[in-house]
Full PDB file with SEQRES, HELIX, SHEET, SSBOND, CRYST1, ORIGX, SCALE, CONECT and MASTER records, all heavy atoms in Angstrom:
SEQRES   1 A   33  GLY LYS CYS THR ILE LEU GLU VAL PRO THR LEU PRO LYS          
SEQRES   2 A   33  SER ILE SER MET LEU VAL ASP MET GLU ALA THR PHE ILE          
SEQRES   3 A   33  PHE LEU GLY TRP PHE VAL PHE                                  
HELIX    1 AA1 ILE A   15  MET A   17  5                                   3    
HELIX    2 AA2 MET A   21  VAL A   32  1                                  12    
CRYST1    1.000    1.000    1.000  90.00  90.00  90.00 P 1           1          
ORIGX1      1.000000  0.000000  0.000000        0.00000                         
ORIGX2      0.000000  1.000000  0.000000        0.00000                         
ORIGX3      0.000000  0.000000  1.000000        0.00000                         
SCALE1      1.000000  0.000000  0.000000        0.00000                         
SCALE2      0.000000  1.000000  0.000000        0.00000                         
SCALE3      0.000000  0.000000  1.000000        0.00000                         
ATOM      1  N   GLY A   1      86.118  83.054  85.355  1.00  0.00           N  
ATOM      2  CA  GLY A   1      84.816  82.414  85.268  1.00  0.00           C  
ATOM      3  C   GLY A   1      83.664  83.344  84.950  1.00  0.00           C  
ATOM      4  O   GLY A   1      82.549  82.883  84.669  1.00  0.00           O  
ATOM      5  N   LYS A   2      83.882  84.647  85.000  1.00  0.00           N  
ATOM      6  CA  LYS A   2      82.780  85.580  84.737  1.00  0.00           C  
ATOM      7  C   LYS A   2      83.335  86.907  84.227  1.00  0.00           C  
ATOM      8  O   LYS A   2      84.277  87.447  84.798  1.00  0.00           O  
ATOM      9  CB  LYS A   2      81.962  85.805  86.006  1.00  0.00           C  
ATOM     10  CG  LYS A   2      80.735  86.685  85.814  1.00  0.00           C  
ATOM     11  CD  LYS A   2      79.912  86.777  87.082  1.00  0.00           C  
ATOM     12  CE  LYS A   2      79.240  85.457  87.387  1.00  0.00           C  
ATOM     13  NZ  LYS A   2      78.300  85.568  88.539  1.00  0.00           N  
ATOM     14  N   CYS A   3      82.734  87.413  83.141  1.00  0.00           N  
ATOM     15  CA  CYS A   3      83.158  88.701  82.591  1.00  0.00           C  
ATOM     16  C   CYS A   3      81.943  89.335  81.938  1.00  0.00           C  
ATOM     17  O   CYS A   3      81.634  89.077  80.766  1.00  0.00           O  
ATOM     18  CB  CYS A   3      84.288  88.501  81.574  1.00  0.00           C  
ATOM     19  SG  CYS A   3      85.041  90.041  81.019  1.00  0.00           S  
ATOM     20  N   THR A   4      81.220  90.149  82.703  1.00  0.00           N  
ATOM     21  CA  THR A   4      79.977  90.713  82.202  1.00  0.00           C  
ATOM     22  C   THR A   4      79.695  92.076  82.824  1.00  0.00           C  
ATOM     23  O   THR A   4      80.104  92.344  83.960  1.00  0.00           O  
ATOM     24  CB  THR A   4      78.794  89.767  82.497  1.00  0.00           C  
ATOM     25  OG1 THR A   4      77.577  90.360  82.036  1.00  0.00           O  
ATOM     26  CG2 THR A   4      78.688  89.484  83.985  1.00  0.00           C  
ATOM     27  N   ILE A   5      78.981  92.907  82.074  1.00  0.00           N  
ATOM     28  CA  ILE A   5      78.547  94.204  82.599  1.00  0.00           C  
ATOM     29  C   ILE A   5      77.083  94.147  83.020  1.00  0.00           C  
ATOM     30  O   ILE A   5      76.517  95.139  83.452  1.00  0.00           O  
ATOM     31  CB  ILE A   5      78.736  95.324  81.554  1.00  0.00           C  
ATOM     32  CG1 ILE A   5      77.920  95.017  80.288  1.00  0.00           C  
ATOM     33  CG2 ILE A   5      80.202  95.538  81.245  1.00  0.00           C  
ATOM     34  CD1 ILE A   5      77.903  96.153  79.291  1.00  0.00           C  
ATOM     35  N   LEU A   6      76.471  92.980  82.878  1.00  0.00           N  
ATOM     36  CA  LEU A   6      75.052  92.820  83.199  1.00  0.00           C  
ATOM     37  C   LEU A   6      74.828  92.558  84.682  1.00  0.00           C  
ATOM     38  O   LEU A   6      73.688  92.512  85.142  1.00  0.00           O  
ATOM     39  CB  LEU A   6      74.453  91.681  82.360  1.00  0.00           C  
ATOM     40  CG  LEU A   6      74.533  91.870  80.841  1.00  0.00           C  
ATOM     41  CD1 LEU A   6      73.936  90.679  80.119  1.00  0.00           C  
ATOM     42  CD2 LEU A   6      73.828  93.160  80.432  1.00  0.00           C  
ATOM     43  N   GLU A   7      75.895  92.322  85.429  1.00  0.00           N  
ATOM     44  CA  GLU A   7      75.789  92.082  86.860  1.00  0.00           C  
ATOM     45  C   GLU A   7      76.692  93.054  87.613  1.00  0.00           C  
ATOM     46  O   GLU A   7      77.752  93.439  87.116  1.00  0.00           O  
ATOM     47  CB  GLU A   7      76.200  90.647  87.207  1.00  0.00           C  
ATOM     48  CG  GLU A   7      75.327  89.582  86.578  1.00  0.00           C  
ATOM     49  CD  GLU A   7      75.784  88.183  86.951  1.00  0.00           C  
ATOM     50  OE1 GLU A   7      76.566  88.053  87.919  1.00  0.00           O  
ATOM     51  OE2 GLU A   7      75.375  87.226  86.272  1.00  0.00           O  
ATOM     52  N   VAL A   8      76.264  93.409  88.802  1.00  0.00           N  
ATOM     53  CA  VAL A   8      77.099  94.263  89.651  1.00  0.00           C  
ATOM     54  C   VAL A   8      78.281  93.445  90.130  1.00  0.00           C  
ATOM     55  O   VAL A   8      78.101  92.329  90.639  1.00  0.00           O  
ATOM     56  CB  VAL A   8      76.299  94.800  90.859  1.00  0.00           C  
ATOM     57  CG1 VAL A   8      77.206  95.633  91.773  1.00  0.00           C  
ATOM     58  CG2 VAL A   8      75.110  95.609  90.388  1.00  0.00           C  
ATOM     59  N   PRO A   9      79.510  93.929  89.931  1.00  0.00           N  
ATOM     60  CA  PRO A   9      80.684  93.156  90.352  1.00  0.00           C  
ATOM     61  C   PRO A   9      80.637  92.840  91.848  1.00  0.00           C  
ATOM     62  O   PRO A   9      80.174  93.642  92.659  1.00  0.00           O  
ATOM     63  CB  PRO A   9      81.856  94.094  90.031  1.00  0.00           C  
ATOM     64  CG  PRO A   9      81.329  95.032  89.013  1.00  0.00           C  
ATOM     65  CD  PRO A   9      79.882  95.203  89.309  1.00  0.00           C  
ATOM     66  N   THR A  10      81.091  91.645  92.190  1.00  0.00           N  
ATOM     67  CA  THR A  10      81.155  91.244  93.592  1.00  0.00           C  
ATOM     68  C   THR A  10      82.298  91.977  94.270  1.00  0.00           C  
ATOM     69  O   THR A  10      83.459  91.846  93.872  1.00  0.00           O  
ATOM     70  CB  THR A  10      81.376  89.729  93.709  1.00  0.00           C  
ATOM     71  OG1 THR A  10      80.322  89.057  93.009  1.00  0.00           O  
ATOM     72  CG2 THR A  10      81.395  89.303  95.170  1.00  0.00           C  
ATOM     73  N   LEU A  11      81.974  92.750  95.279  1.00  0.00           N  
ATOM     74  CA  LEU A  11      82.991  93.526  95.972  1.00  0.00           C  
ATOM     75  C   LEU A  11      83.695  92.660  96.997  1.00  0.00           C  
ATOM     76  O   LEU A  11      83.094  91.736  97.573  1.00  0.00           O  
ATOM     77  CB  LEU A  11      82.356  94.742  96.657  1.00  0.00           C  
ATOM     78  CG  LEU A  11      81.660  95.747  95.730  1.00  0.00           C  
ATOM     79  CD1 LEU A  11      81.030  96.871  96.543  1.00  0.00           C  
ATOM     80  CD2 LEU A  11      82.633  96.319  94.713  1.00  0.00           C  
ATOM     81  N   PRO A  12      84.974  92.911  97.256  1.00  0.00           N  
ATOM     82  CA  PRO A  12      85.708  92.138  98.265  1.00  0.00           C  
ATOM     83  C   PRO A  12      85.041  92.248  99.639  1.00  0.00           C  
ATOM     84  O   PRO A  12      84.574  93.323 100.026  1.00  0.00           O  
ATOM     85  CB  PRO A  12      87.092  92.799  98.259  1.00  0.00           C  
ATOM     86  CG  PRO A  12      87.195  93.467  96.931  1.00  0.00           C  
ATOM     87  CD  PRO A  12      85.810  93.909  96.582  1.00  0.00           C  
ATOM     88  N   LYS A  13      84.990  91.137 100.367  1.00  0.00           N  
ATOM     89  CA  LYS A  13      84.354  91.125 101.678  1.00  0.00           C  
ATOM     90  C   LYS A  13      85.258  91.717 102.757  1.00  0.00           C  
ATOM     91  O   LYS A  13      84.778  92.121 103.810  1.00  0.00           O  
ATOM     92  CB  LYS A  13      83.970  89.694 102.050  1.00  0.00           C  
ATOM     93  CG  LYS A  13      82.938  89.086 101.105  1.00  0.00           C  
ATOM     94  CD  LYS A  13      82.609  87.658 101.490  1.00  0.00           C  
ATOM     95  CE  LYS A  13      81.579  87.054 100.529  1.00  0.00           C  
ATOM     96  NZ  LYS A  13      81.260  85.641 100.877  1.00  0.00           N  
ATOM     97  N   SER A  14      86.546  91.755 102.471  1.00  0.00           N  
ATOM     98  CA  SER A  14      87.493  92.272 103.460  1.00  0.00           C  
ATOM     99  C   SER A  14      88.539  93.135 102.762  1.00  0.00           C  
ATOM    100  O   SER A  14      88.921  92.867 101.613  1.00  0.00           O  
ATOM    101  CB  SER A  14      88.173  91.115 104.199  1.00  0.00           C  
ATOM    102  OG  SER A  14      89.233  91.592 104.994  1.00  0.00           O  
ATOM    103  N   ILE A  15      89.002  94.169 103.467  1.00  0.00           N  
ATOM    104  CA  ILE A  15      90.032  95.045 102.911  1.00  0.00           C  
ATOM    105  C   ILE A  15      91.327  94.291 102.672  1.00  0.00           C  
ATOM    106  O   ILE A  15      92.135  94.662 101.824  1.00  0.00           O  
ATOM    107  CB  ILE A  15      90.274  96.262 103.850  1.00  0.00           C  
ATOM    108  CG1 ILE A  15      91.115  97.327 103.150  1.00  0.00           C  
ATOM    109  CG2 ILE A  15      90.937  95.794 105.151  1.00  0.00           C  
ATOM    110  CD1 ILE A  15      90.443  98.003 102.012  1.00  0.00           C  
ATOM    111  N   SER A  16      91.505  93.187 103.388  1.00  0.00           N  
ATOM    112  CA  SER A  16      92.732  92.389 103.230  1.00  0.00           C  
ATOM    113  C   SER A  16      92.815  91.751 101.855  1.00  0.00           C  
ATOM    114  O   SER A  16      93.889  91.324 101.425  1.00  0.00           O  
ATOM    115  CB  SER A  16      92.800  91.307 104.309  1.00  0.00           C  
ATOM    116  OG  SER A  16      91.691  90.425 104.187  1.00  0.00           O  
ATOM    117  N   MET A  17      91.681  91.682 101.151  1.00  0.00           N  
ATOM    118  CA  MET A  17      91.690  91.136  99.796  1.00  0.00           C  
ATOM    119  C   MET A  17      92.253  92.135  98.789  1.00  0.00           C  
ATOM    120  O   MET A  17      92.559  91.766  97.652  1.00  0.00           O  
ATOM    121  CB  MET A  17      90.275  90.722  99.387  1.00  0.00           C  
ATOM    122  CG  MET A  17      89.677  89.619 100.247  1.00  0.00           C  
ATOM    123  SD  MET A  17      87.988  89.199  99.775  1.00  0.00           S  
ATOM    124  CE  MET A  17      88.261  88.452  98.163  1.00  0.00           C  
ATOM    125  N   LEU A  18      92.363  93.400  99.214  1.00  0.00           N  
ATOM    126  CA  LEU A  18      92.868  94.444  98.322  1.00  0.00           C  
ATOM    127  C   LEU A  18      94.183  95.053  98.807  1.00  0.00           C  
ATOM    128  O   LEU A  18      94.831  95.780  98.051  1.00  0.00           O  
ATOM    129  CB  LEU A  18      91.829  95.563  98.182  1.00  0.00           C  
ATOM    130  CG  LEU A  18      90.506  95.207  97.501  1.00  0.00           C  
ATOM    131  CD1 LEU A  18      89.577  96.402  97.513  1.00  0.00           C  
ATOM    132  CD2 LEU A  18      90.739  94.718  96.082  1.00  0.00           C  
ATOM    133  N   VAL A  19      94.563  94.794 100.026  1.00  0.00           N  
ATOM    134  CA  VAL A  19      95.758  95.414 100.603  1.00  0.00           C  
ATOM    135  C   VAL A  19      96.683  94.335 101.133  1.00  0.00           C  
ATOM    136  O   VAL A  19      96.238  93.380 101.780  1.00  0.00           O  
ATOM    137  CB  VAL A  19      95.386  96.385 101.743  1.00  0.00           C  
ATOM    138  CG1 VAL A  19      96.642  96.994 102.368  1.00  0.00           C  
ATOM    139  CG2 VAL A  19      94.462  97.479 101.233  1.00  0.00           C  
ATOM    140  N   ASP A  20      97.962  94.486 100.858  1.00  0.00           N  
ATOM    141  CA  ASP A  20      98.942  93.487 101.269  1.00  0.00           C  
ATOM    142  C   ASP A  20     100.308  94.161 101.339  1.00  0.00           C  
ATOM    143  O   ASP A  20     100.705  94.860 100.403  1.00  0.00           O  
ATOM    144  CB  ASP A  20      98.950  92.344 100.253  1.00  0.00           C  
ATOM    145  CG  ASP A  20      99.915  91.240 100.606  1.00  0.00           C  
ATOM    146  OD1 ASP A  20     101.120  91.380 100.288  1.00  0.00           O  
ATOM    147  OD2 ASP A  20      99.474  90.249 101.192  1.00  0.00           O  
ATOM    148  N   MET A  21     101.033  93.946 102.423  1.00  0.00           N  
ATOM    149  CA  MET A  21     102.334  94.591 102.579  1.00  0.00           C  
ATOM    150  C   MET A  21     103.330  94.124 101.528  1.00  0.00           C  
ATOM    151  O   MET A  21     104.119  94.908 101.010  1.00  0.00           O  
ATOM    152  CB  MET A  21     102.882  94.345 103.981  1.00  0.00           C  
ATOM    153  CG  MET A  21     102.192  95.152 105.075  1.00  0.00           C  
ATOM    154  SD  MET A  21     102.220  96.941 104.741  1.00  0.00           S  
ATOM    155  CE  MET A  21     103.968  97.276 104.780  1.00  0.00           C  
ATOM    156  N   GLU A  22     103.301  92.844 101.213  1.00  0.00           N  
ATOM    157  CA  GLU A  22     104.223  92.329 100.197  1.00  0.00           C  
ATOM    158  C   GLU A  22     103.962  92.995  98.848  1.00  0.00           C  
ATOM    159  O   GLU A  22     104.895  93.410  98.155  1.00  0.00           O  
ATOM    160  CB  GLU A  22     104.076  90.815 100.061  1.00  0.00           C  
ATOM    161  CG  GLU A  22     105.060  90.216  99.050  1.00  0.00           C  
ATOM    162  CD  GLU A  22     104.858  88.717  98.857  1.00  0.00           C  
ATOM    163  OE1 GLU A  22     103.871  88.162  99.380  1.00  0.00           O  
ATOM    164  OE2 GLU A  22     105.692  88.111  98.150  1.00  0.00           O  
ATOM    165  N   ALA A  23     102.685  93.106  98.485  1.00  0.00           N  
ATOM    166  CA  ALA A  23     102.331  93.755  97.223  1.00  0.00           C  
ATOM    167  C   ALA A  23     102.742  95.223  97.225  1.00  0.00           C  
ATOM    168  O   ALA A  23     103.203  95.759  96.210  1.00  0.00           O  
ATOM    169  CB  ALA A  23     100.828  93.630  96.982  1.00  0.00           C  
ATOM    170  N   THR A  24     102.590  95.875  98.384  1.00  0.00           N  
ATOM    171  CA  THR A  24     102.981  97.285  98.499  1.00  0.00           C  
ATOM    172  C   THR A  24     104.479  97.455  98.279  1.00  0.00           C  
ATOM    173  O   THR A  24     104.920  98.345  97.538  1.00  0.00           O  
ATOM    174  CB  THR A  24     102.600  97.841  99.888  1.00  0.00           C  
ATOM    175  OG1 THR A  24     101.188  97.719 100.060  1.00  0.00           O  
ATOM    176  CG2 THR A  24     103.004  99.304 100.013  1.00  0.00           C  
ATOM    177  N   PHE A  25     105.262  96.571  98.897  1.00  0.00           N  
ATOM    178  CA  PHE A  25     106.715  96.653  98.728  1.00  0.00           C  
ATOM    179  C   PHE A  25     107.140  96.262  97.312  1.00  0.00           C  
ATOM    180  O   PHE A  25     108.142  96.770  96.798  1.00  0.00           O  
ATOM    181  CB  PHE A  25     107.428  95.782  99.769  1.00  0.00           C  
ATOM    182  CG  PHE A  25     107.481  96.403 101.128  1.00  0.00           C  
ATOM    183  CD1 PHE A  25     106.841  95.812 102.208  1.00  0.00           C  
ATOM    184  CD2 PHE A  25     108.170  97.598 101.331  1.00  0.00           C  
ATOM    185  CE1 PHE A  25     106.875  96.396 103.466  1.00  0.00           C  
ATOM    186  CE2 PHE A  25     108.223  98.187 102.587  1.00  0.00           C  
ATOM    187  CZ  PHE A  25     107.562  97.588 103.657  1.00  0.00           C  
ATOM    188  N   ILE A  26     106.391  95.385  96.669  1.00  0.00           N  
ATOM    189  CA  ILE A  26     106.689  95.040  95.274  1.00  0.00           C  
ATOM    190  C   ILE A  26     106.544  96.283  94.398  1.00  0.00           C  
ATOM    191  O   ILE A  26     107.422  96.584  93.571  1.00  0.00           O  
ATOM    192  CB  ILE A  26     105.752  93.922  94.776  1.00  0.00           C  
ATOM    193  CG1 ILE A  26     106.153  92.582  95.396  1.00  0.00           C  
ATOM    194  CG2 ILE A  26     105.792  93.823  93.246  1.00  0.00           C  
ATOM    195  CD1 ILE A  26     105.179  91.456  95.096  1.00  0.00           C  
ATOM    196  N   PHE A  27     105.434  97.019  94.604  1.00  0.00           N  
ATOM    197  CA  PHE A  27     105.226  98.210  93.785  1.00  0.00           C  
ATOM    198  C   PHE A  27     106.274  99.284  94.086  1.00  0.00           C  
ATOM    199  O   PHE A  27     106.844  99.877  93.159  1.00  0.00           O  
ATOM    200  CB  PHE A  27     103.830  98.788  93.999  1.00  0.00           C  
ATOM    201  CG  PHE A  27     103.584 100.036  93.188  1.00  0.00           C  
ATOM    202  CD1 PHE A  27     103.234  99.953  91.858  1.00  0.00           C  
ATOM    203  CD2 PHE A  27     103.766 101.302  93.747  1.00  0.00           C  
ATOM    204  CE1 PHE A  27     103.050 101.096  91.090  1.00  0.00           C  
ATOM    205  CE2 PHE A  27     103.587 102.452  92.991  1.00  0.00           C  
ATOM    206  CZ  PHE A  27     103.220 102.347  91.662  1.00  0.00           C  
ATOM    207  N   LEU A  28     106.525  99.542  95.367  1.00  0.00           N  
ATOM    208  CA  LEU A  28     107.504 100.569  95.734  1.00  0.00           C  
ATOM    209  C   LEU A  28     108.893 100.200  95.224  1.00  0.00           C  
ATOM    210  O   LEU A  28     109.642 101.048  94.723  1.00  0.00           O  
ATOM    211  CB  LEU A  28     107.530 100.762  97.252  1.00  0.00           C  
ATOM    212  CG  LEU A  28     106.270 101.386  97.864  1.00  0.00           C  
ATOM    213  CD1 LEU A  28     106.390 101.428  99.381  1.00  0.00           C  
ATOM    214  CD2 LEU A  28     106.020 102.783  97.303  1.00  0.00           C  
ATOM    215  N   GLY A  29     109.245  98.919  95.357  1.00  0.00           N  
ATOM    216  CA  GLY A  29     110.543  98.466  94.851  1.00  0.00           C  
ATOM    217  C   GLY A  29     110.653  98.636  93.352  1.00  0.00           C  
ATOM    218  O   GLY A  29     111.711  99.021  92.825  1.00  0.00           O  
ATOM    219  N   TRP A  30     109.549  98.361  92.647  1.00  0.00           N  
ATOM    220  CA  TRP A  30     109.523  98.528  91.190  1.00  0.00           C  
ATOM    221  C   TRP A  30     109.726  99.990  90.799  1.00  0.00           C  
ATOM    222  O   TRP A  30     110.501 100.293  89.887  1.00  0.00           O  
ATOM    223  CB  TRP A  30     108.195  98.016  90.643  1.00  0.00           C  
ATOM    224  CG  TRP A  30     107.960  98.324  89.202  1.00  0.00           C  
ATOM    225  CD1 TRP A  30     107.086  99.215  88.676  1.00  0.00           C  
ATOM    226  CD2 TRP A  30     108.620  97.723  88.086  1.00  0.00           C  
ATOM    227  NE1 TRP A  30     107.155  99.218  87.311  1.00  0.00           N  
ATOM    228  CE2 TRP A  30     108.081  98.316  86.916  1.00  0.00           C  
ATOM    229  CE3 TRP A  30     109.599  96.738  87.955  1.00  0.00           C  
ATOM    230  CZ2 TRP A  30     108.511  97.953  85.637  1.00  0.00           C  
ATOM    231  CZ3 TRP A  30     110.029  96.381  86.675  1.00  0.00           C  
ATOM    232  CH2 TRP A  30     109.490  96.981  85.544  1.00  0.00           C  
ATOM    233  N   PHE A  31     109.056 100.880  91.506  1.00  0.00           N  
ATOM    234  CA  PHE A  31     109.175 102.311  91.212  1.00  0.00           C  
ATOM    235  C   PHE A  31     110.608 102.787  91.434  1.00  0.00           C  
ATOM    236  O   PHE A  31     111.184 103.497  90.594  1.00  0.00           O  
ATOM    237  CB  PHE A  31     108.208 103.103  92.105  1.00  0.00           C  
ATOM    238  CG  PHE A  31     108.090 104.561  91.746  1.00  0.00           C  
ATOM    239  CD1 PHE A  31     107.154 104.998  90.831  1.00  0.00           C  
ATOM    240  CD2 PHE A  31     108.938 105.504  92.316  1.00  0.00           C  
ATOM    241  CE1 PHE A  31     107.047 106.344  90.487  1.00  0.00           C  
ATOM    242  CE2 PHE A  31     108.845 106.851  91.991  1.00  0.00           C  
ATOM    243  CZ  PHE A  31     107.895 107.269  91.071  1.00  0.00           C  
ATOM    244  N   VAL A  32     111.205 102.395  92.555  1.00  0.00           N  
ATOM    245  CA  VAL A  32     112.583 102.805  92.863  1.00  0.00           C  
ATOM    246  C   VAL A  32     113.552 102.195  91.856  1.00  0.00           C  
ATOM    247  O   VAL A  32     114.496 102.859  91.395  1.00  0.00           O  
ATOM    248  CB  VAL A  32     112.965 102.388  94.297  1.00  0.00           C  
ATOM    249  CG1 VAL A  32     114.453 102.622  94.557  1.00  0.00           C  
ATOM    250  CG2 VAL A  32     112.124 103.158  95.316  1.00  0.00           C  
ATOM    251  N   PHE A  33     113.321 100.925  91.481  1.00  0.00           N  
ATOM    252  CA  PHE A  33     114.181 100.249  90.503  1.00  0.00           C  
ATOM    253  C   PHE A  33     114.182 101.001  89.170  1.00  0.00           C  
ATOM    254  O   PHE A  33     115.247 101.238  88.576  1.00  0.00           O  
ATOM    255  CB  PHE A  33     113.682  98.809  90.316  1.00  0.00           C  
ATOM    256  CG  PHE A  33     114.399  98.037  89.241  1.00  0.00           C  
ATOM    257  CD1 PHE A  33     115.764  97.803  89.315  1.00  0.00           C  
ATOM    258  CD2 PHE A  33     113.699  97.536  88.151  1.00  0.00           C  
ATOM    259  CE1 PHE A  33     116.427  97.078  88.320  1.00  0.00           C  
ATOM    260  CE2 PHE A  33     114.341  96.815  87.154  1.00  0.00           C  
ATOM    261  CZ  PHE A  33     115.712  96.591  87.241  1.00  0.00           C  
TER     262      PHE A  33                                                      
MASTER        0    0    0    2    0    0    0    6  261    1    0    3          
END                                                                             
């Protein structure tokens, strides 16, 4: 819905929006694979 450099990007309100155990294991599994 928005793609512009004219506004400061909305930062996540919580660290949980950027960190997730499932996502971490997906990346680690991909690297090992």
